[in-house]
Amino acid sequence: MAEGTIKRLTEKGFGFIDTGTGKDMFFHMSNLEGVRYDELREGQKVSFVAGEGPKGPRAENVRPI
């Protein structure tokens, strides 16, 4: 599993993870595990699996560390 930091959360139920590689990873609240979207906060460390969505790369199985 990859790790990163939540960079930005939106009111529409998605956000972006800073992966440390210069490219942010998109995630949707439907890809969370063990946590609700409203429990997340910017700057929080998470682990995830890099996957592919209909519009490009996305984080799946996102979990707080």
Protein backbone atom coordinates (compact mmCIF):
# COMPACT_ATOMS: atom_id res chain seq x y z
CA MET A 1 0.00 0.00 0.00
CA ALA A 2 1.11 3.52 -0.77
CA GLU A 3 0.96 6.31 1.79
CA GLY A 4 0.26 10.00 1.54
CA THR A 5 -1.27 13.05 3.18
CA ILE A 6 -4.72 14.45 2.50
CA LYS A 7 -4.08 17.70 0.69
CA ARG A 8 -7.62 18.90 0.03
CA LEU A 9 -11.19 17.86 0.82
CA THR A 10 -14.27 19.18 -0.97
CA GLU A 11 -17.90 19.53 0.05
CA LYS A 12 -18.85 17.22 -2.86
CA GLY A 13 -17.37 14.10 -1.25
CA PHE A 14 -14.00 13.82 -2.90
CA GLY A 15 -10.47 14.93 -2.19
CA PHE A 16 -6.84 14.76 -3.18
CA ILE A 17 -3.89 12.99 -1.56
CA ASP A 18 -0.36 14.38 -1.73
CA THR A 19 1.66 11.30 -2.66
CA GLY A 20 5.06 12.96 -2.27
CA THR A 21 5.86 12.41 -5.96
CA GLY A 22 4.62 15.77 -7.21
CA LYS A 23 1.36 14.27 -8.47
CA ASP A 24 -1.76 14.33 -6.32
CA MET A 25 -4.06 11.30 -6.24
CA PHE A 26 -7.83 11.80 -6.53
CA PHE A 27 -10.17 9.85 -4.23
CA HIS A 28 -13.93 9.64 -3.76
CA MET A 29 -15.74 8.96 -0.50
CA SER A 30 -16.95 5.62 -1.93
CA ASN A 31 -13.30 4.45 -1.85
CA LEU A 32 -12.88 4.88 1.93
CA GLU A 33 -12.42 1.95 4.32
CA GLY A 34 -12.94 2.07 8.06
CA VAL A 35 -13.67 5.79 8.17
CA ARG A 36 -16.45 8.17 7.12
CA TYR A 37 -15.69 11.07 4.81
CA ASP A 38 -16.68 13.66 7.43
CA GLU A 39 -14.11 12.18 9.86
CA LEU A 40 -11.19 13.00 7.55
CA ARG A 41 -9.18 16.20 7.81
CA GLU A 42 -6.59 17.92 5.65
CA GLY A 43 -3.05 17.01 6.68
CA GLN A 44 -4.09 13.53 7.86
CA LYS A 45 -1.89 10.58 6.87
CA VAL A 46 -3.59 7.83 4.87
CA SER A 47 -2.71 4.61 3.09
CA PHE A 48 -4.23 3.67 -0.26
CA VAL A 49 -3.99 1.46 -3.31
CA ALA A 50 -3.41 3.19 -6.65
CA GLY A 51 -6.19 2.32 -9.06
CA GLU A 52 -7.76 3.53 -12.27
CA GLY A 53 -11.10 5.30 -12.49
CA PRO A 54 -13.17 6.44 -15.46
CA LYS A 55 -11.33 9.77 -15.58
CA GLY A 56 -7.81 8.57 -14.75
CA PRO A 57 -5.78 7.49 -11.72
CA ARG A 58 -7.52 7.37 -8.35
CA ALA A 59 -6.84 6.15 -4.82
CA GLU A 60 -8.81 3.12 -3.66
CA ASN A 61 -9.10 1.45 -0.24
CA VAL A 62 -8.20 4.76 1.46
CA ARG A 63 -7.62 4.29 5.22
CA PRO A 64 -6.27 6.59 7.93
CA ILE A 65 -2.91 5.56 9.37
